[in-house]
Amino acid sequence: MDDATRTELEAAAFRRLRHHLMEERPDAQNIELMTLAGFCRNCLSRWYQEAAAERGIKMSKDEAREIFYGMPYDDWKARHQSEATPEQQAAFDASHPTRD
């Protein structure tokens, strides 16, 4: 497989992941994604921002989040995210122990 085709397939897979998280499973809370997978929508938007920076494109965290979320992050949170329950927070804390 040539590099251009590989890049196109990787981009398509990313777009499909984004669609899944934003359209099909907006109910999956970011804290749950972090607990189970070690990354969430915010991580994906940060990686997008980092990829832009590697190419000399200046992009703020808020700009990257708006691109990924398709709206301002605060709007997304108000529509789809809830406060973490004590159980969710405990599971997150257990899966991300602090390192000294």
Protein backbone atom coordinates (compact mmCIF):
# COMPACT_ATOMS: atom_id res chain seq x y z
CA MET A 1 0.00 0.00 0.00
CA ASP A 2 1.37 3.42 -0.89
CA ASP A 3 1.66 6.23 1.67
CA ALA A 4 -1.12 8.35 0.16
CA THR A 5 -3.60 5.47 0.32
CA ARG A 6 -2.55 4.64 3.89
CA THR A 7 -3.05 8.28 4.89
CA GLU A 8 -6.50 8.34 3.24
CA LEU A 9 -7.54 5.17 5.07
CA GLU A 10 -6.25 6.48 8.40
CA ALA A 11 -8.14 9.74 7.87
CA ALA A 12 -11.31 7.83 7.00
CA ALA A 13 -10.96 5.71 10.15
CA PHE A 14 -10.49 8.87 12.23
CA ARG A 15 -13.58 10.46 10.70
CA ARG A 16 -15.56 7.30 11.43
CA LEU A 17 -14.36 7.24 15.04
CA ARG A 18 -15.31 10.89 15.44
CA HIS A 19 -18.75 10.24 13.93
CA HIS A 20 -19.28 7.29 16.24
CA LEU A 21 -18.35 9.26 19.36
CA MET A 22 -20.22 12.41 18.40
CA GLU A 23 -23.30 11.11 16.60
CA GLU A 24 -23.87 7.50 17.59
CA ARG A 25 -22.63 7.53 21.20
CA PRO A 26 -22.79 11.06 22.59
CA ASP A 27 -24.06 9.38 25.77
CA ALA A 28 -20.63 7.87 26.42
CA GLN A 29 -19.18 10.23 28.99
CA ASN A 30 -15.60 11.43 28.55
CA ILE A 31 -14.70 10.20 32.04
CA GLU A 32 -15.91 6.72 31.09
CA LEU A 33 -13.83 6.77 27.92
CA MET A 34 -10.78 7.86 29.91
CA THR A 35 -11.35 5.14 32.50
CA LEU A 36 -11.77 2.34 29.98
CA ALA A 37 -9.62 3.41 27.04
CA GLY A 38 -7.23 5.98 28.44
CA PHE A 39 -8.37 8.66 25.98
CA CYS A 40 -11.49 10.69 25.31
CA ARG A 41 -12.85 13.25 22.89
CA ASN A 42 -10.68 15.95 24.46
CA CYS A 43 -7.59 13.83 23.85
CA LEU A 44 -8.57 13.43 20.20
CA SER A 45 -9.02 17.18 19.83
CA ARG A 46 -5.63 17.75 21.51
CA TRP A 47 -3.98 15.27 19.12
CA TYR A 48 -5.59 17.17 16.24
CA GLN A 49 -4.13 20.41 17.63
CA GLU A 50 -0.70 18.78 18.01
CA ALA A 51 -0.82 17.50 14.42
CA ALA A 52 -1.64 21.03 13.25
CA ALA A 53 1.27 22.45 15.25
CA GLU A 54 3.64 19.91 13.70
CA ARG A 55 2.67 21.38 10.34
CA GLY A 56 3.14 24.97 11.46
CA ILE A 57 -0.58 25.66 11.89
CA LYS A 58 -1.39 27.67 15.00
CA MET A 59 -4.51 26.42 16.72
CA SER A 60 -5.70 27.01 20.26
CA LYS A 61 -7.14 24.28 22.46
CA ASP A 62 -10.58 25.87 22.13
CA GLU A 63 -10.27 26.02 18.32
CA ALA A 64 -9.26 22.36 18.14
CA ARG A 65 -12.11 21.34 20.41
CA GLU A 66 -14.62 23.30 18.34
CA ILE A 67 -13.37 21.60 15.18
CA PHE A 68 -13.60 18.16 16.78
CA TYR A 69 -16.88 18.68 18.64
CA GLY A 70 -18.50 20.61 15.79
CA MET A 71 -19.52 23.32 18.26
CA PRO A 72 -18.01 25.16 21.20
CA TYR A 73 -16.96 22.69 23.88
CA ASP A 74 -19.16 24.31 26.53
CA ASP A 75 -22.20 23.79 24.27
CA TRP A 76 -21.30 20.10 23.85
CA LYS A 77 -20.87 19.66 27.58
CA ALA A 78 -24.24 21.29 28.28
CA ARG A 79 -25.98 19.03 25.75
CA HIS A 80 -24.26 15.69 26.33
CA GLN A 81 -22.05 15.52 29.40
CA SER A 82 -23.13 15.22 33.00
CA GLU A 83 -21.26 15.62 36.26
CA ALA A 84 -19.26 12.53 37.08
CA THR A 85 -20.92 10.31 39.61
CA PRO A 86 -18.92 9.27 42.66
CA GLU A 87 -18.67 5.79 41.10
CA GLN A 88 -17.35 7.17 37.80
CA GLN A 89 -14.82 9.34 39.62
CA ALA A 90 -13.66 6.40 41.76
CA ALA A 91 -13.25 4.19 38.69
CA PHE A 92 -11.29 6.95 36.94
CA ASP A 93 -9.07 7.50 39.98
CA ALA A 94 -8.39 3.75 40.23
CA SER A 95 -7.46 3.55 36.55
CA HIS A 96 -5.18 6.63 36.66
CA PRO A 97 -3.10 6.42 39.82
CA THR A 98 -0.93 9.43 40.45
CA ARG A 99 2.74 8.97 39.79
CA ASP A 100 5.45 10.47 41.94
